[in-house]
Amino acid sequence: MFDVKKELELSTEHEGLVIGLFDKPEKFTGILALLDEAFNGQLKDLVKSGDISAKLKSINKVHSLGKIGSKRIWFVGLGKEKEFTFDKLKSAFGRLFKEVKANKLEEAAVYLDSFTTEQVDGLDAAHALSEAYALSTYQFEGYKQKSNEPEKKLDHLTIYCDSLDGEEVLASLTVGHAFGKGTNSARTLVNIPGNMLTATDIANYAQELGSKYAFEVEILDKAEIEKLGMGAFLAVNQGSTEPPKMIVLKYQGKEEWNDVIGLVGKGITFDTGGYSIKTKSGIVGMKTDMGGAAAVLGAMEIIGEIQPEQNVVAVIPSTDNMISGHAFKPDDVITSMCGKTIEVLNTDAEGRLVLADAVTYAKQHGADYLVDVATLTGGVITALGLYTTGAMTNHEPLYKQVLEASIEAGEQMWQLPLFDTEIERVRNSKVADLNNSPGSEGHALVAGAFIGEFAEGTPWVHLDIAGTATTAKGNDLGPAGATGVMTRTLALFVERFEPIEK
């Protein structure tokens, strides 16, 4: 995929050569000066006239007309150098690779030095390039009848880096590509329809992931789940003909199994709402209700690739939430794995029920810190819109590390409060320890507070991705559909994690 070379000879043949261009250079130097000389001074004239723009994320293609070895040059506008950031570079690369893909190039070269500044060094630029390449060129194949004509794909990039260490650049390219591919794996899982991705299918996928990266794998079937008393998880599965699976992946990056990070992902493969049935429009798209599980599996793929010196246990409760004569009902009382009883007031508040037992099970596997990820509530969309993940926590230092990872990943989140008022609402039941849905007011808050009742004293962060797991409109780094949100945040959080006082 990537071939790193030290010096760019303009006579070298490529289908395309990619150059970064900052706004208003006082004079052309380096590669720009060499190119301008090859074009007999006409390149500078094209920039001055605006035919080649340095505006951020502008993409201009110039045919070389045989003046250099590359058939065409792609100039990527980078804006003002002082305002340049890693995220802006990643978006610019994303837009570039979308254009290159549309032009059906199979090979290209990038002069990496032209994309570096004091704010973004060469290794960061390499990471941004490879991550953006993977993310922006992603496409879910779908199930339409396909043409027999083979599709042309950009499958080879030569990276030129005069002033950088080639091995270090290749390492950064490899890591960035791993982050992009892991996110794409999560996107694909979310995009697959529910009839083609059951709990068993997710378990099989996890098993394959475990085999590839030598994770310890545990898949609990229904009998084992019953034996362990996971009554909240089992209640959600009652109406289904598909068996539930409790999926566990363990990655041990330290000699001792301590300071264990628990990643818990909601894996509802399709959510009808149960007897609290969704509307005819609200039920469409519920194949995406396993976005949390997908994010955790995508993060585990990245972890398997980059091999951080951390300990991680991933726990995914997977089932669908269906309606039948056996399905659980409003007013039912169920008993969770930890012994707490729950009055069911809303069968469409099923995600928090499966997460309750999964959080308990993660703690039994030694999780010292917990992060749960779930497409949990419509309330978080009302509160924060479609581009911001909602977060709650019982431990600010842990949340700070997750937040820092999300900023680095470019996945924005906002902290919602965990007040005693919402905790008391969750505890308000005349017949059980807890109720699963005290009302629509502050829906995202009470959902998070409910999960927190099972985290108990363990440091915990809750991420509600109901609004961010999918998008109706594509952007520079991906198409419409599943986003794979929080995959990179979780992986970065694990990679950068520093043990903290509980």
Protein backbone atom coordinates (compact mmCIF):
# COMPACT_ATOMS: atom_id res chain seq x y z
CA MET A 1 0.00 0.00 0.00
CA PHE A 2 2.63 2.57 1.11
CA ASP A 3 6.12 2.90 -0.32
CA VAL A 4 8.35 5.47 1.41
CA LYS A 5 11.22 7.07 -0.53
CA LYS A 6 13.65 9.81 0.41
CA GLU A 7 14.04 11.97 -2.69
CA LEU A 8 11.58 12.97 -5.37
CA GLU A 9 12.95 13.09 -8.87
CA LEU A 10 10.56 15.04 -11.06
CA SER A 11 11.33 12.70 -13.94
CA THR A 12 9.87 9.73 -12.03
CA GLU A 13 6.64 8.53 -13.59
CA HIS A 14 3.42 8.54 -11.54
CA GLU A 15 -0.24 8.77 -12.44
CA GLY A 16 -0.49 11.71 -10.08
CA LEU A 17 1.78 13.79 -7.84
CA VAL A 18 0.23 15.44 -4.75
CA ILE A 19 1.63 18.73 -3.44
CA GLY A 20 0.46 20.82 -0.49
CA LEU A 21 0.08 24.56 -1.02
CA PHE A 22 -0.14 27.13 1.76
CA ASP A 23 -1.72 30.56 1.30
CA LYS A 24 0.38 33.43 -0.07
CA PRO A 25 3.93 32.10 -0.10
CA GLU A 26 6.35 35.04 -0.42
CA LYS A 27 8.32 33.07 -2.94
CA PHE A 28 8.41 29.55 -4.26
CA THR A 29 11.03 27.37 -2.63
CA GLY A 30 11.82 23.69 -2.57
CA ILE A 31 9.53 21.49 -4.61
CA LEU A 32 7.37 24.43 -5.72
CA ALA A 33 10.41 26.21 -7.15
CA LEU A 34 11.50 23.07 -9.01
CA LEU A 35 8.02 22.57 -10.43
CA ASP A 36 7.77 26.24 -11.43
CA GLU A 37 11.08 25.94 -13.24
CA ALA A 38 9.85 22.82 -15.06
CA PHE A 39 6.74 24.76 -16.09
CA ASN A 40 8.80 27.76 -17.26
CA GLY A 41 7.39 30.05 -14.55
CA GLN A 42 3.77 29.37 -15.48
CA LEU A 43 2.99 27.63 -12.17
CA LYS A 44 3.52 30.84 -10.22
CA ASP A 45 1.25 32.64 -12.68
CA LEU A 46 -1.49 30.03 -12.13
CA VAL A 47 -1.29 30.56 -8.35
CA LYS A 48 -1.33 34.36 -8.67
CA SER A 49 -4.35 34.26 -10.97
CA GLY A 50 -6.23 31.92 -8.64
CA ASP A 51 -6.40 29.05 -11.12
CA ILE A 52 -4.51 27.10 -8.49
CA SER A 53 -5.97 27.96 -5.08
CA ALA A 54 -4.35 27.66 -1.66
CA LYS A 55 -7.74 28.00 0.03
CA LEU A 56 -8.17 25.29 2.67
CA LYS A 57 -9.33 21.99 1.15
CA SER A 58 -9.38 23.31 -2.42
CA ILE A 59 -8.21 20.64 -4.87
CA ASN A 60 -6.73 21.71 -8.21
CA LYS A 61 -5.56 19.29 -10.89
CA VAL A 62 -2.96 20.40 -13.44
CA HIS A 63 -1.88 18.20 -16.34
CA SER A 64 1.89 18.12 -16.69
CA LEU A 65 1.86 17.99 -20.53
CA GLY A 66 5.03 15.92 -20.35
CA LYS A 67 7.05 18.56 -18.50
CA ILE A 68 7.61 16.13 -15.59
CA GLY A 69 7.28 12.37 -15.18
CA SER A 70 3.91 12.51 -13.39
CA LYS A 71 0.93 12.78 -15.72
CA ARG A 72 -0.85 15.28 -13.49
CA ILE A 73 -0.24 17.29 -10.33
CA TRP A 74 -2.85 17.60 -7.60
CA PHE A 75 -2.44 20.77 -5.53
CA VAL A 76 -4.10 20.61 -2.10
CA GLY A 77 -4.99 23.97 -0.58
CA LEU A 78 -3.91 24.16 3.07
CA GLY A 79 -4.97 27.71 3.96
CA LYS A 80 -2.91 29.95 6.22
CA GLU A 81 0.12 28.23 7.68
CA LYS A 82 -0.35 29.77 11.13
CA GLU A 83 -3.92 28.43 11.34
CA PHE A 84 -3.02 24.93 10.18
CA THR A 85 -4.01 21.95 12.38
CA PHE A 86 -3.94 18.15 12.29
CA ASP A 87 -7.73 18.00 11.85
CA LYS A 88 -7.62 20.47 8.94
CA LEU A 89 -4.92 18.43 7.26
CA LYS A 90 -6.89 15.21 7.71
CA SER A 91 -9.97 16.80 6.14
CA ALA A 92 -7.89 18.19 3.27
CA PHE A 93 -6.41 14.77 2.59
CA GLY A 94 -9.89 13.27 2.79
CA ARG A 95 -11.20 15.61 0.11
CA LEU A 96 -8.13 14.92 -2.03
CA PHE A 97 -8.55 11.14 -1.91
CA LYS A 98 -12.23 11.43 -2.76
CA GLU A 99 -11.23 13.37 -5.89
CA VAL A 100 -8.47 10.90 -6.73
CA LYS A 101 -10.89 8.00 -6.32
CA ALA A 102 -13.44 9.71 -8.59
CA ASN A 103 -10.70 10.06 -11.22
CA LYS A 104 -10.01 6.31 -10.94
CA LEU A 105 -6.29 6.58 -10.29
CA GLU A 106 -4.65 3.33 -9.22
CA GLU A 107 -1.32 4.84 -8.15
CA ALA A 108 -0.08 8.22 -6.97
CA ALA A 109 2.76 9.94 -5.12
CA VAL A 110 2.65 12.44 -2.25
CA TYR A 111 5.42 14.88 -1.40
CA LEU A 112 4.96 14.79 2.36
CA ASP A 113 7.35 17.65 3.20
CA SER A 114 4.94 20.10 1.53
CA PHE A 115 2.30 19.30 4.19
CA THR A 116 4.39 19.94 7.32
CA THR A 117 4.56 23.00 9.56
CA GLU A 118 5.65 23.87 13.09
CA GLN A 119 2.17 22.83 14.29
CA VAL A 120 1.98 19.58 12.30
CA ASP A 121 5.25 17.67 11.95
CA GLY A 122 6.02 15.07 9.32
CA LEU A 123 4.99 12.07 11.40
CA ASP A 124 1.63 13.65 12.23
CA ALA A 125 1.20 14.47 8.55
CA ALA A 126 1.90 10.83 7.66
CA HIS A 127 -0.68 9.64 10.19
CA ALA A 128 -3.24 12.14 8.89
CA LEU A 129 -2.61 11.04 5.31
CA SER A 130 -3.06 7.31 5.85
CA GLU A 131 -6.02 7.64 8.22
CA ALA A 132 -7.76 10.04 5.84
CA TYR A 133 -7.06 7.75 2.89
CA ALA A 134 -8.78 4.82 4.62
CA LEU A 135 -11.72 6.85 5.92
CA SER A 136 -12.48 8.96 2.85
CA THR A 137 -12.36 6.13 0.31
CA TYR A 138 -14.59 3.81 2.36
CA GLN A 139 -17.71 2.54 0.66
CA PHE A 140 -20.23 -0.04 1.87
CA GLU A 141 -20.66 -2.42 -1.02
CA GLY A 142 -24.32 -3.13 -0.30
CA TYR A 143 -26.42 -5.71 -2.08
CA LYS A 144 -27.16 -4.27 -5.51
CA GLN A 145 -26.43 -6.40 -8.54
CA LYS A 146 -22.84 -5.65 -9.49
CA SER A 147 -21.22 -4.99 -12.85
CA ASN A 148 -18.68 -7.50 -14.12
CA GLU A 149 -16.30 -4.66 -14.91
CA PRO A 150 -13.51 -4.54 -12.30
CA GLU A 151 -13.44 -1.35 -10.25
CA LYS A 152 -10.26 0.70 -10.37
CA LYS A 153 -8.95 1.54 -6.90
CA LEU A 154 -6.08 3.59 -5.55
CA ASP A 155 -4.04 0.79 -4.00
CA HIS A 156 -0.49 2.14 -4.06
CA LEU A 157 0.89 5.40 -2.69
CA THR A 158 4.52 6.47 -2.87
CA ILE A 159 5.41 8.88 -0.07
CA TYR A 160 8.40 11.14 -0.62
CA CYS A 161 9.98 12.66 2.50
CA ASP A 162 13.31 14.41 1.92
CA SER A 163 13.73 15.73 5.47
CA LEU A 164 12.22 12.84 7.47
CA ASP A 165 13.30 9.40 8.63
CA GLY A 166 11.74 6.89 6.24
CA GLU A 167 11.20 4.14 8.80
CA GLU A 168 9.49 6.52 11.22
CA VAL A 169 7.27 7.82 8.43
CA LEU A 170 6.30 4.27 7.45
CA ALA A 171 5.46 3.49 11.10
CA SER A 172 3.19 6.55 11.30
CA LEU A 173 1.54 5.63 8.00
CA THR A 174 0.90 2.13 9.30
CA VAL A 175 -0.64 3.34 12.56
CA GLY A 176 -2.82 5.95 10.84
CA HIS A 177 -4.05 3.37 8.36
CA ALA A 178 -4.87 0.98 11.23
CA PHE A 179 -7.04 3.66 12.85
CA GLY A 180 -8.83 4.26 9.58
CA LYS A 181 -9.36 0.57 8.82
CA GLY A 182 -10.65 -0.14 12.34
CA THR A 183 -13.19 2.65 11.94
CA ASN A 184 -14.22 1.28 8.56
CA SER A 185 -14.74 -2.17 10.08
CA ALA A 186 -17.09 -0.59 12.61
CA ARG A 187 -18.90 1.27 9.82
CA THR A 188 -19.44 -1.94 7.89
CA LEU A 189 -20.85 -3.78 10.90
CA VAL A 190 -23.37 -0.98 11.50
CA ASN A 191 -24.35 -0.83 7.83
CA ILE A 192 -25.17 -4.55 7.60
CA PRO A 193 -28.94 -5.22 7.92
CA GLY A 194 -30.27 -7.06 10.95
CA ASN A 195 -31.23 -10.21 9.06
CA MET A 196 -27.61 -10.58 7.97
CA LEU A 197 -25.98 -9.65 11.27
CA THR A 198 -27.44 -11.54 14.22
CA ALA A 199 -25.92 -11.89 17.68
CA THR A 200 -24.36 -15.14 16.48
CA ASP A 201 -22.81 -13.35 13.51
CA ILE A 202 -21.29 -10.70 15.78
CA ALA A 203 -19.94 -13.45 18.04
CA ASN A 204 -18.37 -15.19 15.04
CA TYR A 205 -16.84 -11.89 13.92
CA ALA A 206 -15.37 -11.38 17.40
CA GLN A 207 -14.01 -14.91 17.34
CA GLU A 208 -12.24 -14.22 14.04
CA LEU A 209 -10.84 -10.98 15.45
CA GLY A 210 -9.57 -12.89 18.47
CA SER A 211 -7.88 -15.50 16.30
CA LYS A 212 -6.19 -12.84 14.16
CA TYR A 213 -4.78 -10.88 17.11
CA ALA A 214 -4.41 -13.65 19.70
CA PHE A 215 -7.05 -12.18 22.03
CA GLU A 216 -8.53 -14.38 24.71
CA VAL A 217 -12.12 -14.99 23.61
CA GLU A 218 -15.17 -16.03 25.59
CA ILE A 219 -18.62 -16.38 23.98
CA LEU A 220 -21.43 -17.17 26.41
CA ASP A 221 -24.50 -18.90 24.96
CA LYS A 222 -28.01 -18.68 26.39
CA ALA A 223 -27.61 -21.55 28.86
CA GLU A 224 -24.41 -20.02 30.25
CA ILE A 225 -26.02 -16.59 30.45
CA GLU A 226 -28.94 -18.10 32.38
CA LYS A 227 -26.56 -19.93 34.71
CA LEU A 228 -24.83 -16.64 35.55
CA GLY A 229 -28.18 -14.98 36.31
CA MET A 230 -28.06 -12.22 33.71
CA GLY A 231 -31.78 -11.56 34.03
CA ALA A 232 -31.74 -8.05 32.56
CA PHE A 233 -29.98 -9.23 29.40
CA LEU A 234 -32.19 -12.30 29.10
CA ALA A 235 -35.38 -10.26 29.47
CA VAL A 236 -34.56 -8.28 26.34
CA ASN A 237 -33.92 -11.50 24.43
CA GLN A 238 -37.17 -13.19 25.56
CA GLY A 239 -39.17 -12.30 22.47
CA SER A 240 -36.54 -13.39 19.99
CA THR A 241 -35.93 -16.62 18.08
CA GLU A 242 -32.25 -15.63 17.82
CA PRO A 243 -30.11 -16.74 20.78
CA PRO A 244 -28.27 -14.07 22.77
CA LYS A 245 -24.49 -13.90 23.00
CA MET A 246 -22.35 -12.33 25.69
CA ILE A 247 -19.05 -11.67 23.93
CA VAL A 248 -15.76 -11.09 25.73
CA LEU A 249 -12.36 -10.23 24.19
CA LYS A 250 -9.28 -9.82 26.36
CA TYR A 251 -6.07 -8.12 25.32
CA GLN A 252 -3.19 -8.30 27.81
CA GLY A 253 -0.46 -5.77 27.13
CA LYS A 254 1.13 -5.96 30.58
CA GLU A 255 2.70 -8.81 32.51
CA GLU A 256 0.10 -8.59 35.29
CA TRP A 257 -3.68 -8.38 34.80
CA ASN A 258 -4.15 -5.05 36.56
CA ASP A 259 -5.25 -1.50 35.66
CA VAL A 260 -7.71 -3.19 33.32
CA ILE A 261 -9.77 -1.00 30.99
CA GLY A 262 -13.27 -2.33 30.35
CA LEU A 263 -14.89 -1.36 27.04
CA VAL A 264 -18.59 -2.24 26.96
CA GLY A 265 -20.60 -1.90 23.74
CA LYS A 266 -24.35 -2.21 23.25
CA GLY A 267 -25.01 -4.89 20.64
CA ILE A 268 -28.74 -4.75 19.83
CA THR A 269 -28.83 -6.05 16.25
CA PHE A 270 -32.37 -4.77 15.69
CA ASP A 271 -34.64 -2.88 18.04
CA THR A 272 -38.40 -2.97 17.51
CA GLY A 273 -38.94 -1.33 20.87
CA GLY A 274 -40.68 -4.50 22.05
CA TYR A 275 -44.23 -3.97 23.30
CA SER A 276 -43.37 -0.29 23.70
CA ILE A 277 -43.17 -0.48 19.93
CA LYS A 278 -41.51 2.17 17.82
CA THR A 279 -43.38 4.18 15.19
CA LYS A 280 -43.34 3.09 11.56
CA SER A 281 -40.75 5.77 10.79
CA GLY A 282 -38.83 5.39 14.05
CA ILE A 283 -38.27 1.68 13.53
CA VAL A 284 -36.48 2.17 10.21
CA GLY A 285 -32.73 2.21 10.72
CA MET A 286 -32.77 0.17 13.90
CA LYS A 287 -30.20 -2.19 12.39
CA THR A 288 -27.75 0.47 13.65
CA ASP A 289 -28.58 -0.12 17.32
CA MET A 290 -25.38 -2.14 17.70
CA GLY A 291 -23.20 0.90 16.96
CA GLY A 292 -21.63 0.70 20.40
CA ALA A 293 -20.61 -2.92 19.86
CA ALA A 294 -19.20 -1.99 16.45
CA ALA A 295 -17.13 0.83 17.98
CA VAL A 296 -15.69 -1.53 20.59
CA LEU A 297 -14.87 -4.19 17.99
CA GLY A 298 -13.29 -1.57 15.72
CA ALA A 299 -11.23 -0.28 18.64
CA MET A 300 -10.11 -3.82 19.47
CA GLU A 301 -8.96 -4.24 15.86
CA ILE A 302 -6.83 -1.10 16.19
CA ILE A 303 -5.52 -2.30 19.56
CA GLY A 304 -4.59 -5.62 17.97
CA GLU A 305 -2.63 -3.75 15.30
CA ILE A 306 -0.79 -1.21 17.46
CA GLN A 307 -0.24 -3.47 20.51
CA PRO A 308 -0.33 -0.86 23.33
CA GLU A 309 1.10 -1.73 26.75
CA GLN A 310 -2.34 -1.79 28.37
CA ASN A 311 -4.82 -4.39 29.57
CA VAL A 312 -8.27 -4.33 27.98
CA VAL A 313 -11.41 -6.42 28.35
CA ALA A 314 -14.16 -5.80 25.80
CA VAL A 315 -17.67 -6.97 26.70
CA ILE A 316 -20.54 -6.95 24.21
CA PRO A 317 -24.09 -8.09 25.09
CA SER A 318 -25.76 -8.91 21.78
CA THR A 319 -29.37 -9.75 20.97
CA ASP A 320 -32.30 -8.26 19.10
CA ASN A 321 -35.36 -6.80 20.85
CA MET A 322 -38.42 -8.43 19.33
CA ILE A 323 -42.14 -8.88 19.97
CA SER A 324 -43.76 -12.28 20.55
CA GLY A 325 -45.86 -14.14 23.08
CA HIS A 326 -42.67 -14.64 25.09
CA ALA A 327 -41.43 -11.04 25.01
CA PHE A 328 -40.98 -9.06 28.21
CA LYS A 329 -43.63 -6.46 29.00
CA PRO A 330 -44.09 -3.17 30.80
CA ASP A 331 -44.71 -3.81 34.52
CA ASP A 332 -42.45 -6.90 34.51
CA VAL A 333 -39.87 -7.11 37.30
CA ILE A 334 -36.54 -8.68 36.39
CA THR A 335 -33.40 -9.48 38.37
CA SER A 336 -30.02 -8.36 37.06
CA MET A 337 -26.77 -10.28 37.39
CA CYS A 338 -25.63 -8.24 40.39
CA GLY A 339 -28.92 -8.97 42.18
CA LYS A 340 -30.60 -5.61 41.75
CA THR A 341 -34.23 -5.86 40.71
CA ILE A 342 -35.64 -3.70 37.94
CA GLU A 343 -39.21 -2.64 37.21
CA VAL A 344 -39.70 -2.47 33.46
CA LEU A 345 -41.67 0.64 32.51
CA ASN A 346 -40.55 0.80 28.89
CA THR A 347 -39.41 -2.17 26.80
CA ASP A 348 -37.85 0.28 24.35
CA ALA A 349 -35.39 1.24 27.08
CA GLU A 350 -33.67 -2.09 26.51
CA GLY A 351 -30.12 -0.91 25.87
CA ARG A 352 -29.53 0.06 29.47
CA LEU A 353 -30.77 -3.36 30.57
CA VAL A 354 -28.28 -5.34 28.49
CA LEU A 355 -25.51 -2.91 29.47
CA ALA A 356 -26.35 -3.38 33.15
CA ASP A 357 -25.37 -7.06 33.06
CA ALA A 358 -22.46 -6.40 30.70
CA VAL A 359 -20.98 -3.79 33.04
CA THR A 360 -21.31 -6.24 35.94
CA TYR A 361 -19.63 -8.95 33.88
CA ALA A 362 -16.80 -6.63 32.84
CA LYS A 363 -16.12 -5.97 36.52
CA GLN A 364 -16.08 -9.71 37.17
CA HIS A 365 -13.39 -9.97 34.50
CA GLY A 366 -11.28 -7.51 36.45
CA ALA A 367 -12.16 -4.18 34.83
CA ASP A 368 -10.78 -1.38 37.00
CA TYR A 369 -12.10 1.34 34.69
CA LEU A 370 -15.22 1.26 32.52
CA VAL A 371 -16.27 3.00 29.33
CA ASP A 372 -19.62 2.02 27.84
CA VAL A 373 -20.69 3.04 24.34
CA ALA A 374 -24.27 2.84 23.13
CA THR A 375 -26.84 4.20 20.71
CA LEU A 376 -28.93 4.72 23.80
CA THR A 377 -31.42 7.59 23.67
CA GLY A 378 -33.23 9.94 21.34
CA GLY A 379 -32.92 12.38 24.21
CA VAL A 380 -29.23 12.93 23.53
CA ILE A 381 -30.11 14.01 19.99
CA THR A 382 -32.60 16.54 21.34
CA ALA A 383 -29.94 17.83 23.75
CA LEU A 384 -26.81 17.82 21.57
CA GLY A 385 -27.85 17.33 17.95
CA LEU A 386 -26.38 14.98 15.38
CA TYR A 387 -22.66 15.77 15.62
CA THR A 388 -21.88 15.56 19.33
CA THR A 389 -21.68 12.46 21.49
CA GLY A 390 -23.13 12.82 24.98
CA ALA A 391 -20.97 11.74 27.91
CA MET A 392 -21.58 11.12 31.60
CA THR A 393 -19.22 10.02 34.33
CA ASN A 394 -18.78 9.25 38.01
CA HIS A 395 -15.05 10.01 37.82
CA GLU A 396 -13.76 13.27 36.36
CA PRO A 397 -10.07 12.25 35.94
CA LEU A 398 -11.12 9.23 33.88
CA TYR A 399 -13.48 11.35 31.80
CA LYS A 400 -10.66 13.84 31.15
CA GLN A 401 -8.58 11.10 29.52
CA VAL A 402 -11.50 10.00 27.33
CA LEU A 403 -12.18 13.63 26.39
CA GLU A 404 -8.54 14.22 25.41
CA ALA A 405 -8.66 11.12 23.22
CA SER A 406 -11.86 12.33 21.54
CA ILE A 407 -10.28 15.71 20.78
CA GLU A 408 -7.24 14.02 19.22
CA ALA A 409 -9.52 11.72 17.21
CA GLY A 410 -11.65 14.64 16.01
CA GLU A 411 -14.82 13.11 17.50
CA GLN A 412 -16.53 15.80 19.52
CA MET A 413 -18.34 15.05 22.77
CA TRP A 414 -19.97 17.02 25.57
CA GLN A 415 -20.39 16.09 29.19
CA LEU A 416 -23.91 15.81 30.59
CA PRO A 417 -24.52 15.99 34.34
CA LEU A 418 -24.98 13.05 36.68
CA PHE A 419 -27.03 14.63 39.48
CA ASP A 420 -28.63 13.00 42.51
CA THR A 421 -32.02 14.10 41.17
CA GLU A 422 -31.70 11.73 38.18
CA ILE A 423 -30.26 8.93 40.31
CA GLU A 424 -33.25 9.20 42.64
CA ARG A 425 -35.65 9.07 39.68
CA VAL A 426 -34.05 5.78 38.56
CA ARG A 427 -34.34 4.42 42.12
CA ASN A 428 -38.00 5.40 42.36
CA SER A 429 -39.99 2.15 42.21
CA LYS A 430 -42.53 0.74 44.65
CA VAL A 431 -41.80 -2.86 43.68
CA ALA A 432 -38.11 -3.04 42.73
CA ASP A 433 -34.70 -1.52 43.41
CA LEU A 434 -34.73 0.43 40.15
CA ASN A 435 -37.00 1.35 37.25
CA ASN A 436 -35.68 1.42 33.70
CA SER A 437 -37.52 4.51 32.46
CA PRO A 438 -38.78 7.19 34.84
CA GLY A 439 -40.03 9.46 32.03
CA SER A 440 -39.07 11.39 28.93
CA GLU A 441 -37.78 14.45 30.80
CA GLY A 442 -33.97 14.39 30.79
CA HIS A 443 -34.13 11.02 29.06
CA ALA A 444 -30.41 10.87 28.26
CA LEU A 445 -29.56 11.71 31.87
CA VAL A 446 -31.69 9.03 33.50
CA ALA A 447 -30.47 6.42 31.00
CA GLY A 448 -26.88 7.18 31.93
CA ALA A 449 -27.76 7.29 35.62
CA PHE A 450 -29.30 3.82 35.32
CA ILE A 451 -26.08 2.33 33.91
CA GLY A 452 -24.13 4.12 36.62
CA GLU A 453 -26.07 2.12 39.23
CA PHE A 454 -24.22 -0.96 37.96
CA ALA A 455 -20.82 0.70 37.59
CA GLU A 456 -21.22 1.57 41.28
CA GLY A 457 -17.83 2.62 42.68
CA THR A 458 -15.80 1.67 39.61
CA PRO A 459 -14.57 4.71 37.63
CA TRP A 460 -16.89 4.90 34.65
CA VAL A 461 -17.63 6.96 31.53
CA HIS A 462 -20.81 6.57 29.49
CA LEU A 463 -20.92 7.59 25.81
CA ASP A 464 -24.31 8.00 24.11
CA ILE A 465 -23.80 7.87 20.33
CA ALA A 466 -27.45 7.79 19.27
CA GLY A 467 -26.99 10.97 17.24
CA THR A 468 -23.47 10.42 15.97
CA ALA A 469 -23.40 6.73 14.98
CA THR A 470 -24.84 7.50 11.55
CA THR A 471 -25.03 10.47 9.24
CA ALA A 472 -27.48 11.32 6.47
CA LYS A 473 -24.86 13.31 4.60
CA GLY A 474 -21.32 12.38 3.63
CA ASN A 475 -18.32 14.53 4.48
CA ASP A 476 -14.62 14.76 3.65
CA LEU A 477 -13.84 11.64 5.67
CA GLY A 478 -16.67 9.33 4.72
CA PRO A 479 -19.98 8.71 3.00
CA ALA A 480 -23.52 8.84 4.35
CA GLY A 481 -24.41 5.92 6.61
CA ALA A 482 -22.50 4.56 9.57
CA THR A 483 -19.69 6.76 10.92
CA GLY A 484 -17.82 4.30 13.15
CA VAL A 485 -17.88 7.04 15.78
CA MET A 486 -15.88 6.52 18.98
CA THR A 487 -13.78 3.72 17.45
CA ARG A 488 -10.71 5.96 17.23
CA THR A 489 -11.49 7.69 20.52
CA LEU A 490 -11.56 4.37 22.38
CA ALA A 491 -8.36 3.16 20.73
CA LEU A 492 -6.54 6.41 21.48
CA PHE A 493 -7.85 6.39 25.03
CA VAL A 494 -6.41 2.91 25.53
CA GLU A 495 -3.12 3.77 23.83
CA ARG A 496 -2.60 6.95 25.87
CA PHE A 497 -4.12 5.71 29.15
CA GLU A 498 -2.39 6.62 32.41
CA PRO A 499 -3.53 4.74 35.54
CA ILE A 500 -5.30 7.07 37.95
CA GLU A 501 -6.33 7.16 41.57
CA LYS A 502 -9.81 5.73 41.99
